[in-house]
Protein backbone atom coordinates (compact mmCIF):
# COMPACT_ATOMS: atom_id res chain seq x y z
CA UNK A 1 -38.94 138.44 -104.60
CA UNK A 2 -38.86 139.11 -100.89
CA UNK A 3 -36.03 140.35 -98.66
CA UNK A 4 -36.15 139.92 -94.89
CA UNK A 5 -34.70 142.75 -92.82
CA UNK A 6 -33.58 142.40 -89.21
CA UNK A 7 -33.18 145.65 -87.29
CA UNK A 8 -31.11 146.10 -84.13
CA UNK A 9 -30.70 148.60 -81.30
CA UNK A 10 -32.00 152.16 -81.56
CA UNK A 11 -32.86 151.59 -85.22
CA UNK A 12 -35.56 149.23 -83.98
CA UNK A 13 -37.07 152.12 -82.01
CA UNK A 14 -37.39 154.13 -85.24
CA UNK A 15 -39.15 151.39 -87.18
CA UNK A 16 -41.18 150.10 -84.25
CA UNK A 17 -40.23 146.53 -85.12
CA UNK A 18 -37.23 144.25 -85.36
CA UNK A 19 -38.31 142.58 -88.60
CA UNK A 20 -39.50 143.97 -91.91
CA UNK A 21 -40.12 142.24 -95.23
CA UNK A 22 -39.76 144.20 -98.46
CA UNK A 23 -40.75 142.96 -101.88
CA UNK A 24 -39.29 143.60 -105.32
CA UNK A 25 -36.05 145.29 -104.29
CA UNK A 26 -33.21 144.57 -106.69
CA UNK A 27 -30.23 145.71 -104.65
CA UNK A 28 -29.13 147.10 -101.31
CA UNK A 29 -29.22 150.73 -102.50
CA UNK A 30 -32.87 150.37 -103.50
CA UNK A 31 -33.66 148.64 -100.21
CA UNK A 32 -32.11 151.48 -98.18
CA UNK A 33 -33.91 154.05 -100.31
CA UNK A 34 -37.27 152.36 -99.65
CA UNK A 35 -36.55 152.14 -95.92
CA UNK A 36 -35.67 155.84 -95.77
CA UNK A 37 -38.93 156.71 -97.53
CA UNK A 38 -40.93 154.54 -95.13
CA UNK A 39 -38.94 155.61 -92.03
CA UNK A 40 -37.42 159.07 -92.71
CA UNK A 41 -35.68 159.19 -89.31
CA UNK A 42 -33.44 156.30 -90.40
CA UNK A 43 -31.63 158.64 -92.77
CA UNK A 44 -30.44 160.66 -89.76
CA UNK A 45 -28.58 157.69 -88.26
CA UNK A 46 -25.36 156.05 -89.25
CA UNK A 47 -25.51 152.26 -89.44
CA UNK A 48 -23.93 149.29 -91.16
CA UNK A 49 -25.73 147.01 -93.58
CA UNK A 50 -25.06 143.28 -93.65
CA UNK A 51 -26.35 141.03 -96.43
CA UNK A 52 -26.40 137.32 -95.64
CA UNK A 53 -24.19 137.94 -92.56
CA UNK A 54 -21.56 139.92 -94.51
CA UNK A 55 -21.15 143.65 -93.86
CA UNK A 56 -21.21 145.50 -97.17
CA UNK A 57 -19.67 148.84 -98.09
CA UNK A 58 -21.12 149.22 -101.58
CA UNK A 59 -24.24 148.27 -103.49
CA UNK A 60 -25.04 144.54 -103.60
CA UNK A 61 -27.53 142.68 -105.78
CA UNK A 62 -30.16 140.90 -103.67
CA UNK A 63 -31.80 137.54 -104.31
CA UNK A 64 -35.08 136.05 -103.13
CA UNK A 65 -35.22 135.37 -99.37
CA UNK A 66 -31.94 137.12 -98.61
CA UNK A 67 -31.59 138.43 -95.07
CA UNK A 68 -30.36 141.97 -94.55
CA UNK A 69 -29.41 143.33 -91.12
CA UNK A 70 -29.27 146.98 -90.10
CA UNK A 71 -26.56 147.34 -87.46
CA UNK A 72 -26.18 150.51 -85.37
CA UNK A 73 -22.73 151.65 -84.28
CA UNK A 74 -21.46 149.66 -81.34
CA UNK A 75 -18.52 149.64 -78.98
CA UNK A 76 -17.19 147.12 -76.59
CA UNK A 77 -14.62 146.70 -73.98
């Protein structure tokens, strides 16, 4: 199973890319854990996680080819 991750804003600077693919992650908690292991500086930032274009606030089971987005805080006017 593969999950495609799109990364925005300053989070992209941490990872050095705007797209990452992870394999064999069962849920969003496991995905975030793997990203924090691979990119420790991510754990120092606050960001939202969206799964299939829906912002989540708790763990979500992932399916093959799901898209997950990491969204930094934003403001507008």
